[in-house]
C-alpha atoms as a PDB file:
ATOM      1  CA  MET A   1       3.535 -33.587  12.829  1.00  0.00           C
ATOM      2  CA  ASN A   2       0.302 -32.172  11.409  1.00  0.00           C
ATOM      3  CA  ALA A   3       1.129 -33.065   7.939  1.00  0.00           C
ATOM      4  CA  LYS A   4      -0.717 -35.958   6.078  1.00  0.00           C
ATOM      5  CA  ARG A   5       1.415 -38.381   3.868  1.00  0.00           C
ATOM      6  CA  GLY A   6       0.666 -37.239   0.094  1.00  0.00           C
ATOM      7  CA  SER A   7      -0.718 -34.034   1.180  1.00  0.00           C
ATOM      8  CA  ALA A   8       0.980 -30.892  -0.284  1.00  0.00           C
ATOM      9  CA  GLY A   9       3.830 -29.382   1.404  1.00  0.00           C
ATOM     10  CA  ARG A  10       4.960 -25.902   1.209  1.00  0.00           C
ATOM     11  CA  VAL A  11       7.889 -23.561   2.849  1.00  0.00           C
ATOM     12  CA  VAL A  12       6.965 -20.212   4.207  1.00  0.00           C
ATOM     13  CA  PHE A  13       9.827 -17.895   5.167  1.00  0.00           C
ATOM     14  CA  VAL A  14       9.137 -15.816   8.003  1.00  0.00           C
ATOM     15  CA  GLY A  15      11.345 -12.985   9.605  1.00  0.00           C
ATOM     16  CA  ALA A  16      11.608 -13.288  13.152  1.00  0.00           C
ATOM     17  CA  GLY A  17      12.594  -9.700  13.903  1.00  0.00           C
ATOM     18  CA  PRO A  18      15.908  -8.527  15.313  1.00  0.00           C
ATOM     19  CA  GLY A  19      15.502  -9.219  18.547  1.00  0.00           C
ATOM     20  CA  GLN A  20      12.822 -10.184  21.077  1.00  0.00           C
ATOM     21  CA  ALA A  21       9.909 -12.700  20.130  1.00  0.00           C
ATOM     22  CA  ASP A  22       7.404  -9.406  20.543  1.00  0.00           C
ATOM     23  CA  LEU A  23       9.108  -7.869  17.450  1.00  0.00           C
ATOM     24  CA  ILE A  24       7.679 -10.526  15.228  1.00  0.00           C
ATOM     25  CA  THR A  25       4.721  -9.721  12.906  1.00  0.00           C
ATOM     26  CA  LEU A  26       1.289 -10.887  13.644  1.00  0.00           C
ATOM     27  CA  ARG A  27       1.624 -12.645  10.348  1.00  0.00           C
ATOM     28  CA  GLY A  28       4.641 -14.613  11.334  1.00  0.00           C
ATOM     29  CA  ALA A  29       3.022 -15.527  14.386  1.00  0.00           C
ATOM     30  CA  GLU A  30       0.219 -17.150  12.676  1.00  0.00           C
ATOM     31  CA  ARG A  31       2.464 -19.015  10.202  1.00  0.00           C
ATOM     32  CA  LEU A  32       4.303 -20.377  13.166  1.00  0.00           C
ATOM     33  CA  ARG A  33       1.071 -21.938  14.443  1.00  0.00           C
ATOM     34  CA  ALA A  34       0.387 -23.655  11.612  1.00  0.00           C
ATOM     35  CA  ALA A  35       3.686 -25.279  11.143  1.00  0.00           C
ATOM     36  CA  ASP A  36       4.911 -28.997  11.269  1.00  0.00           C
ATOM     37  CA  LEU A  37       8.323 -28.234  11.267  1.00  0.00           C
ATOM     38  CA  VAL A  38      10.507 -25.099  11.966  1.00  0.00           C
ATOM     39  CA  LEU A  39      13.980 -24.622  10.748  1.00  0.00           C
ATOM     40  CA  PHE A  40      15.631 -21.744  12.960  1.00  0.00           C
ATOM     41  CA  ASP A  41      18.474 -19.265  12.513  1.00  0.00           C
ATOM     42  CA  SER A  42      20.833 -18.911  15.622  1.00  0.00           C
ATOM     43  CA  LEU A  43      19.628 -15.383  16.319  1.00  0.00           C
ATOM     44  CA  ALA A  44      16.093 -16.546  16.750  1.00  0.00           C
ATOM     45  CA  ASP A  45      14.506 -15.594  20.141  1.00  0.00           C
ATOM     46  CA  PRO A  46      13.681 -19.167  21.984  1.00  0.00           C
ATOM     47  CA  ALA A  47      10.469 -17.707  23.235  1.00  0.00           C
ATOM     48  CA  LEU A  48       8.972 -17.944  19.713  1.00  0.00           C
ATOM     49  CA  ARG A  49       8.838 -21.493  20.362  1.00  0.00           C
ATOM     50  CA  ALA A  50       5.410 -20.657  22.280  1.00  0.00           C
ATOM     51  CA  PHE A  51       3.983 -20.096  19.130  1.00  0.00           C
ATOM     52  CA  ALA A  52       4.421 -23.638  17.854  1.00  0.00           C
ATOM     53  CA  PRO A  53       4.721 -25.654  20.497  1.00  0.00           C
ATOM     54  CA  GLN A  54       3.280 -28.596  18.033  1.00  0.00           C
ATOM     55  CA  ALA A  55       5.950 -28.138  15.490  1.00  0.00           C
ATOM     56  CA  ARG A  56       9.443 -30.193  15.588  1.00  0.00           C
ATOM     57  CA  TRP A  57      12.376 -27.540  15.736  1.00  0.00           C
ATOM     58  CA  ILE A  58      15.619 -27.554  14.007  1.00  0.00           C
ATOM     59  CA  ASP A  59      18.405 -25.459  14.424  1.00  0.00           C
ATOM     60  CA  VAL A  60      20.077 -24.750  11.180  1.00  0.00           C
ATOM     61  CA  GLY A  61      22.044 -21.516  12.551  1.00  0.00           C
ATOM     62  CA  LYS A  62      25.399 -20.189  10.537  1.00  0.00           C
ATOM     63  CA  ARG A  63      26.316 -17.528  13.108  1.00  0.00           C
ATOM     64  CA  GLY A  64      29.111 -17.180  15.318  1.00  0.00           C
ATOM     65  CA  PHE A  65      26.688 -15.502  18.188  1.00  0.00           C
ATOM     66  CA  ARG A  66      24.937 -18.134  19.528  1.00  0.00           C
ATOM     67  CA  GLY A  67      23.162 -16.399  22.468  1.00  0.00           C
ATOM     68  CA  VAL A  68      21.162 -18.374  24.442  1.00  0.00           C
ATOM     69  CA  PRO A  69      20.993 -22.034  23.910  1.00  0.00           C
ATOM     70  CA  HIS A  70      17.734 -23.456  22.131  1.00  0.00           C
ATOM     71  CA  GLY A  71      17.750 -26.950  23.403  1.00  0.00           C
ATOM     72  CA  SER A  72      17.975 -28.283  19.582  1.00  0.00           C
ATOM     73  CA  SER A  73      20.516 -30.955  18.867  1.00  0.00           C
ATOM     74  CA  GLU A  74      20.123 -31.447  15.277  1.00  0.00           C
ATOM     75  CA  PRO A  75      21.758 -30.687  13.098  1.00  0.00           C
ATOM     76  CA  GLY A  76      23.049 -28.612  15.914  1.00  0.00           C
ATOM     77  CA  ALA A  77      25.976 -27.962  14.142  1.00  0.00           C
ATOM     78  CA  GLU A  78      27.837 -24.298  14.660  1.00  0.00           C
ATOM     79  CA  ASN A  79      27.526 -23.589  11.447  1.00  0.00           C
ATOM     80  CA  THR A  80      25.165 -25.465   9.227  1.00  0.00           C
ATOM     81  CA  GLY A  81      26.008 -25.545   5.343  1.00  0.00           C
ATOM     82  CA  GLN A  82      23.574 -23.897   3.115  1.00  0.00           C
ATOM     83  CA  ALA A  83      23.300 -27.276   0.652  1.00  0.00           C
ATOM     84  CA  THR A  84      22.274 -28.780   3.647  1.00  0.00           C
ATOM     85  CA  ILE A  85      19.437 -26.418   4.511  1.00  0.00           C
ATOM     86  CA  ASN A  86      18.087 -26.653   1.231  1.00  0.00           C
ATOM     87  CA  ALA A  87      17.947 -30.132   1.314  1.00  0.00           C
ATOM     88  CA  LEU A  88      15.891 -30.303   4.577  1.00  0.00           C
ATOM     89  CA  LEU A  89      13.419 -27.752   2.939  1.00  0.00           C
ATOM     90  CA  VAL A  90      13.124 -29.504  -0.204  1.00  0.00           C
ATOM     91  CA  LYS A  91      13.059 -33.047   1.950  1.00  0.00           C
ATOM     92  CA  HIS A  92      10.214 -32.165   4.284  1.00  0.00           C
ATOM     93  CA  ALA A  93       8.076 -30.188   2.535  1.00  0.00           C
ATOM     94  CA  GLY A  94       8.168 -32.994  -0.266  1.00  0.00           C
ATOM     95  CA  GLU A  95       7.121 -35.218   2.122  1.00  0.00           C
ATOM     96  CA  GLY A  96       3.767 -32.912   2.782  1.00  0.00           C
ATOM     97  CA  SER A  97       4.833 -30.803   5.962  1.00  0.00           C
ATOM     98  CA  VAL A  98       4.425 -27.353   6.228  1.00  0.00           C
ATOM     99  CA  VAL A  99       7.594 -25.888   6.932  1.00  0.00           C
ATOM    100  CA  VAL A 100       8.431 -22.283   8.306  1.00  0.00           C
ATOM    101  CA  ARG A 101      11.997 -21.160   7.590  1.00  0.00           C
ATOM    102  CA  LEU A 102      12.450 -19.042  10.427  1.00  0.00           C
ATOM    103  CA  LYS A 103      15.154 -16.089  10.011  1.00  0.00           C
ATOM    104  CA  GLY A 104      16.496 -13.396  12.356  1.00  0.00           C
ATOM    105  CA  GLY A 105      15.368  -9.991  10.920  1.00  0.00           C
ATOM    106  CA  ASP A 106      14.162  -9.848   7.673  1.00  0.00           C
ATOM    107  CA  PRO A 107      14.543 -13.014   5.319  1.00  0.00           C
ATOM    108  CA  SER A 108      15.352 -10.815   2.284  1.00  0.00           C
ATOM    109  CA  VAL A 109      17.949  -8.825   3.864  1.00  0.00           C
ATOM    110  CA  PHE A 110      21.230 -10.782   3.908  1.00  0.00           C
ATOM    111  CA  GLY A 111      19.228 -13.774   4.671  1.00  0.00           C
ATOM    112  CA  ARG A 112      20.245 -16.266   1.831  1.00  0.00           C
ATOM    113  CA  LEU A 113      16.918 -16.120   0.967  1.00  0.00           C
ATOM    114  CA  GLU A 114      17.836 -16.296  -2.786  1.00  0.00           C
ATOM    115  CA  GLU A 115      19.490 -19.873  -2.665  1.00  0.00           C
ATOM    116  CA  GLU A 116      16.511 -21.236  -0.781  1.00  0.00           C
ATOM    117  CA  LEU A 117      13.900 -20.022  -3.063  1.00  0.00           C
ATOM    118  CA  GLU A 118      15.822 -21.044  -6.000  1.00  0.00           C
ATOM    119  CA  ALA A 119      16.234 -24.850  -4.614  1.00  0.00           C
ATOM    120  CA  LEU A 120      12.445 -25.019  -3.625  1.00  0.00           C
ATOM    121  CA  ALA A 121      11.510 -23.473  -6.958  1.00  0.00           C
ATOM    122  CA  GLU A 122      13.409 -26.037  -8.807  1.00  0.00           C
ATOM    123  CA  ALA A 123      11.848 -28.851  -6.905  1.00  0.00           C
ATOM    124  CA  GLY A 124       8.292 -27.320  -7.350  1.00  0.00           C
ATOM    125  CA  ILE A 125       7.483 -26.550  -4.168  1.00  0.00           C
ATOM    126  CA  GLU A 126       5.049 -23.552  -2.932  1.00  0.00           C
ATOM    127  CA  THR A 127       6.385 -20.977  -0.934  1.00  0.00           C
ATOM    128  CA  GLU A 128       5.523 -17.620   0.988  1.00  0.00           C
ATOM    129  CA  VAL A 129       7.748 -14.858   2.429  1.00  0.00           C
ATOM    130  CA  VAL A 130       6.501 -13.129   5.168  1.00  0.00           C
ATOM    131  CA  PRO A 131       8.395  -9.840   6.286  1.00  0.00           C
ATOM    132  CA  GLY A 132      10.202  -8.984   9.341  1.00  0.00           C
ATOM    133  CA  VAL A 133      11.928  -6.042  11.079  1.00  0.00           C
ATOM    134  CA  THR A 134      15.832  -5.737  10.028  1.00  0.00           C
ATOM    135  CA  ALA A 135      18.453  -4.806  12.439  1.00  0.00           C
ATOM    136  CA  ALA A 136      19.214  -1.620  10.819  1.00  0.00           C
ATOM    137  CA  LEU A 137      15.404  -0.518  11.768  1.00  0.00           C
ATOM    138  CA  ALA A 138      15.951  -1.972  15.172  1.00  0.00           C
ATOM    139  CA  ALA A 139      19.076   0.080  15.786  1.00  0.00           C
ATOM    140  CA  ALA A 140      17.690   3.306  14.468  1.00  0.00           C
ATOM    141  CA  ALA A 141      14.550   2.866  16.788  1.00  0.00           C
ATOM    142  CA  ALA A 142      16.940   1.729  19.975  1.00  0.00           C
ATOM    143  CA  THR A 143      18.890   5.468  19.421  1.00  0.00           C
ATOM    144  CA  GLN A 144      15.895   7.012  18.097  1.00  0.00           C
ATOM    145  CA  ARG A 145      17.619   8.419  15.173  1.00  0.00           C
ATOM    146  CA  PRO A 146      15.996   8.271  11.805  1.00  0.00           C
ATOM    147  CA  LEU A 147      17.752   6.604   8.988  1.00  0.00           C
ATOM    148  CA  THR A 148      16.121   9.415   6.694  1.00  0.00           C
ATOM    149  CA  ARG A 149      16.435  13.301   7.383  1.00  0.00           C
ATOM    150  CA  ARG A 150      14.518  15.647   5.710  1.00  0.00           C
ATOM    151  CA  GLY A 151      16.867  17.747   3.470  1.00  0.00           C
ATOM    152  CA  SER A 152      20.299  15.774   4.471  1.00  0.00           C
ATOM    153  CA  GLY A 153      19.042  11.818   4.653  1.00  0.00           C
ATOM    154  CA  ARG A 154      17.611  10.976   1.524  1.00  0.00           C
ATOM    155  CA  SER A 155      19.061   7.572   0.741  1.00  0.00           C
ATOM    156  CA  VAL A 156      19.910   4.619   2.781  1.00  0.00           C
ATOM    157  CA  ALA A 157      22.133   1.791   1.747  1.00  0.00           C
ATOM    158  CA  LEU A 158      22.437  -1.746   3.637  1.00  0.00           C
ATOM    159  CA  THR A 159      25.717  -3.300   3.109  1.00  0.00           C
ATOM    160  CA  THR A 160      27.145  -6.570   4.634  1.00  0.00           C
ATOM    161  CA  ALA A 161      30.815  -5.730   5.308  1.00  0.00           C
ATOM    162  CA  MET A 162      31.589  -9.159   5.574  1.00  0.00           C
ATOM    163  CA  THR A 163      32.125 -11.177   1.782  1.00  0.00           C
ATOM    164  CA  HIS A 164      31.874 -14.775   1.325  1.00  0.00           C
ATOM    165  CA  ASP A 165      35.329 -15.423   1.771  1.00  0.00           C
ATOM    166  CA  ALA A 166      35.531 -13.252   4.996  1.00  0.00           C
ATOM    167  CA  GLY A 167      37.123 -10.005   3.259  1.00  0.00           C
ATOM    168  CA  LEU A 168      35.865  -6.801   4.646  1.00  0.00           C
ATOM    169  CA  VAL A 169      33.844  -4.348   2.431  1.00  0.00           C
ATOM    170  CA  ALA A 170      33.476  -0.910   2.499  1.00  0.00           C
ATOM    171  CA  GLY A 171      31.962   1.541  -0.416  1.00  0.00           C
ATOM    172  CA  ALA A 172      32.568   5.209  -1.158  1.00  0.00           C
ATOM    173  CA  GLY A 173      29.505   6.667   0.202  1.00  0.00           C
ATOM    174  CA  HIS A 174      26.756   6.004  -2.304  1.00  0.00           C
ATOM    175  CA  ALA A 175      24.133   6.872   0.016  1.00  0.00           C
ATOM    176  CA  ASP A 176      23.740   9.629   2.912  1.00  0.00           C
ATOM    177  CA  THR A 177      23.107   7.003   5.131  1.00  0.00           C
ATOM    178  CA  GLU A 178      24.969   3.887   5.159  1.00  0.00           C
ATOM    179  CA  VAL A 179      24.193   0.696   7.419  1.00  0.00           C
ATOM    180  CA  PHE A 180      26.829  -2.175   8.002  1.00  0.00           C
ATOM    181  CA  TYR A 181      25.698  -5.378   9.067  1.00  0.00           C
ATOM    182  CA  MET A 182      28.247  -8.097  10.515  1.00  0.00           C
ATOM    183  CA  ALA A 183      30.881  -5.689  10.962  1.00  0.00           C
ATOM    184  CA  GLY A 184      31.408  -5.863  14.865  1.00  0.00           C
ATOM    185  CA  LYS A 185      34.804  -7.914  14.483  1.00  0.00           C
ATOM    186  CA  GLN A 186      36.477  -5.596  12.607  1.00  0.00           C
ATOM    187  CA  LEU A 187      35.041  -1.977  13.662  1.00  0.00           C
ATOM    188  CA  GLY A 188      38.732  -0.690  13.506  1.00  0.00           C
ATOM    189  CA  ALA A 189      39.611  -1.821   9.935  1.00  0.00           C
ATOM    190  CA  LEU A 190      35.822  -0.818   8.936  1.00  0.00           C
ATOM    191  CA  GLY A 191      36.885   2.710   9.821  1.00  0.00           C
ATOM    192  CA  ARG A 192      39.910   2.677   7.668  1.00  0.00           C
ATOM    193  CA  LYS A 193      38.458   1.133   4.940  1.00  0.00           C
ATOM    194  CA  LEU A 194      35.822   3.850   4.851  1.00  0.00           C
ATOM    195  CA  ALA A 195      38.351   6.738   5.384  1.00  0.00           C
ATOM    196  CA  ALA A 196      40.200   5.255   2.407  1.00  0.00           C
ATOM    197  CA  ALA A 197      36.983   5.403   0.569  1.00  0.00           C
ATOM    198  CA  GLY A 198      36.488   9.271   1.138  1.00  0.00           C
ATOM    199  CA  TRP A 199      34.712   9.476   4.041  1.00  0.00           C
ATOM    200  CA  PRO A 200      35.634  12.336   6.127  1.00  0.00           C
ATOM    201  CA  GLY A 201      37.074  11.453   9.648  1.00  0.00           C
ATOM    202  CA  ASP A 202      34.192  13.637  11.440  1.00  0.00           C
ATOM    203  CA  VAL A 203      31.332  11.796   9.837  1.00  0.00           C
ATOM    204  CA  PRO A 204      29.163  10.650  12.877  1.00  0.00           C
ATOM    205  CA  VAL A 205      28.900   7.045  13.541  1.00  0.00           C
ATOM    206  CA  SER A 206      26.384   5.020  15.454  1.00  0.00           C
ATOM    207  CA  VAL A 207      27.164   1.729  16.933  1.00  0.00           C
ATOM    208  CA  VAL A 208      24.273  -0.596  18.109  1.00  0.00           C
ATOM    209  CA  SER A 209      24.783  -4.033  19.462  1.00  0.00           C
ATOM    210  CA  ARG A 210      22.027  -6.854  19.928  1.00  0.00           C
ATOM    211  CA  ALA A 211      19.251  -4.312  19.017  1.00  0.00           C
ATOM    212  CA  GLY A 212      16.117  -5.527  19.848  1.00  0.00           C
ATOM    213  CA  TRP A 213      17.362  -7.403  22.861  1.00  0.00           C
ATOM    214  CA  PRO A 214      17.053  -5.936  26.627  1.00  0.00           C
ATOM    215  CA  ASP A 215      20.624  -5.755  26.682  1.00  0.00           C
ATOM    216  CA  GLU A 216      20.988  -3.578  23.569  1.00  0.00           C
ATOM    217  CA  LEU A 217      23.945  -1.205  23.833  1.00  0.00           C
ATOM    218  CA  ALA A 218      24.707   1.926  21.729  1.00  0.00           C
ATOM    219  CA  SER A 219      27.680   3.985  21.442  1.00  0.00           C
ATOM    220  CA  ASP A 220      28.490   7.128  19.380  1.00  0.00           C
ATOM    221  CA  HIS A 221      31.329   7.959  17.450  1.00  0.00           C
ATOM    222  CA  ARG A 222      33.365   9.723  14.885  1.00  0.00           C
ATOM    223  CA  LEU A 223      34.642   7.713  11.802  1.00  0.00           C
ATOM    224  CA  ALA A 224      38.310   8.612  13.100  1.00  0.00           C
ATOM    225  CA  GLY A 225      37.705   6.811  16.387  1.00  0.00           C
ATOM    226  CA  LEU A 226      35.336   4.024  15.025  1.00  0.00           C
ATOM    227  CA  ALA A 227      38.197   1.431  16.634  1.00  0.00           C
ATOM    228  CA  GLU A 228      37.363   2.480  20.079  1.00  0.00           C
ATOM    229  CA  ALA A 229      33.885   0.645  19.762  1.00  0.00           C
ATOM    230  CA  ALA A 230      35.412  -2.760  19.289  1.00  0.00           C
ATOM    231  CA  VAL A 231      36.241  -3.281  22.846  1.00  0.00           C
ATOM    232  CA  LEU A 232      32.137  -2.412  24.209  1.00  0.00           C
ATOM    233  CA  HIS A 233      30.646  -4.447  21.743  1.00  0.00           C
ATOM    234  CA  ALA A 234      32.882  -7.476  21.425  1.00  0.00           C
ATOM    235  CA  GLY A 235      31.547 -10.587  20.674  1.00  0.00           C
ATOM    236  CA  ARG A 236      27.974  -9.281  20.103  1.00  0.00           C
ATOM    237  CA  PRO A 237      25.861  -8.940  16.728  1.00  0.00           C
ATOM    238  CA  THR A 238      26.620  -5.464  15.770  1.00  0.00           C
ATOM    239  CA  VAL A 239      24.987  -2.862  13.129  1.00  0.00           C
ATOM    240  CA  VAL A 240      26.943   0.116  12.290  1.00  0.00           C
ATOM    241  CA  VAL A 241      25.275   3.503  11.065  1.00  0.00           C
ATOM    242  CA  VAL A 242      27.457   5.992   9.149  1.00  0.00           C
ATOM    243  CA  GLY A 243      26.397   9.181   7.825  1.00  0.00           C
ATOM    244  CA  ALA A 244      23.287  11.137   8.087  1.00  0.00           C
ATOM    245  CA  GLY A 245      21.206   8.694   9.800  1.00  0.00           C
ATOM    246  CA  ALA A 246      24.008   8.252  12.625  1.00  0.00           C
ATOM    247  CA  GLY A 247      23.538  12.128  13.747  1.00  0.00           C
ATOM    248  CA  LYS A 248      21.996  13.018  16.911  1.00  0.00           C
ATOM    249  CA  ILE A 249      18.382  14.899  16.764  1.00  0.00           C
ATOM    250  CA  THR A 250      18.603  18.446  17.628  1.00  0.00           C
ATOM    251  CA  ALA A 251      16.171  17.973  20.681  1.00  0.00           C
ATOM    252  CA  SER A 252      17.090  15.946  23.515  1.00  0.00           C
ATOM    253  CA  ILE A 253      13.846  13.349  23.699  1.00  0.00           C
ATOM    254  CA  PRO A 254      13.442  11.180  26.962  1.00  0.00           C
ATOM    255  CA  SER A 255      13.267   7.722  26.442  1.00  0.00           C
ATOM    256  CA  SER A 256      13.218   4.310  28.244  1.00  0.00           C
ATOM    257  CA  SER A 257      14.852   2.503  25.140  1.00  0.00           C
ATOM    258  CA  PRO A 258      17.378  -0.264  26.986  1.00  0.00           C
ATOM    259  CA  ALA A 259      19.834   1.084  24.433  1.00  0.00           C
ATOM    260  CA  ARG A 260      19.223   5.070  25.189  1.00  0.00           C
ATOM    261  CA  ALA A 261      19.807   4.340  28.877  1.00  0.00           C
ATOM    262  CA  ARG A 262      22.911   2.368  28.257  1.00  0.00           C
ATOM    263  CA  GLN A 263      24.078   4.878  25.367  1.00  0.00           C
ATOM    264  CA  ARG A 264      28.034   6.211  25.894  1.00  0.00           C
ATOM    265  CA  VAL A 265      29.533   8.911  23.817  1.00  0.00           C
ATOM    266  CA  LEU A 266      32.974   7.949  22.856  1.00  0.00           C
ATOM    267  CA  PRO A 267      34.268  11.303  21.012  1.00  0.00           C
ATOM    268  CA  THR A 268      37.350  11.011  18.618  1.00  0.00           C
ATOM    269  CA  PRO A 269      40.558  12.675  20.599  1.00  0.00           C
END
């Protein structure tokens, strides 16, 4: 490690982006280069290690979607508890290390950032947050479907479909475009919940899995047929876009996007 005993440590929260390493920001890459220790999530690209070969890397992933193994064995659990992560941040920064907490997507969007900031504030440790590209934006880019639309899509809501106790949550359409994270395992149930909340059965839905990766996959549906996406996207981190931002744009645009190349339209019978 580069930290000196007795020096002031700090924690930098860095958004790794939604997929491949080149989606990280320049500032995020700079902070990695200065790290003594990196605590990384399961969905962070292993190629990001090239930015910080000098650092010790510890896997603290919580997700069931493991992807490519990172080669780290500590703590190495399939699901690292939040209290353990908080304790690691406080311990190593308190010992003088520059710690990068590398989170998939953006740290401020469903990244448990609040809990980790609170633990560090209580310990009197300096922090910085470097934003990243969140999965909703990656999904919109993959399908070339803007989340906002002039005149019809003036608001966007980001919602986690899963609660702490694994309950499924679907709102009543408070925004023109609603994006649901972590809904891949319950697409059929999500469709039924949205219908019960008042969404019409013919509203467009775009489902994108592994957004930002070479094997990203997109499919089009109507809400009434959302369950059809379950097999296509099984076992993959999935984002579901409902409403104005899921609709196709009027013109047909040539694209080299992997998701566009693999896109499938699955109409409701």
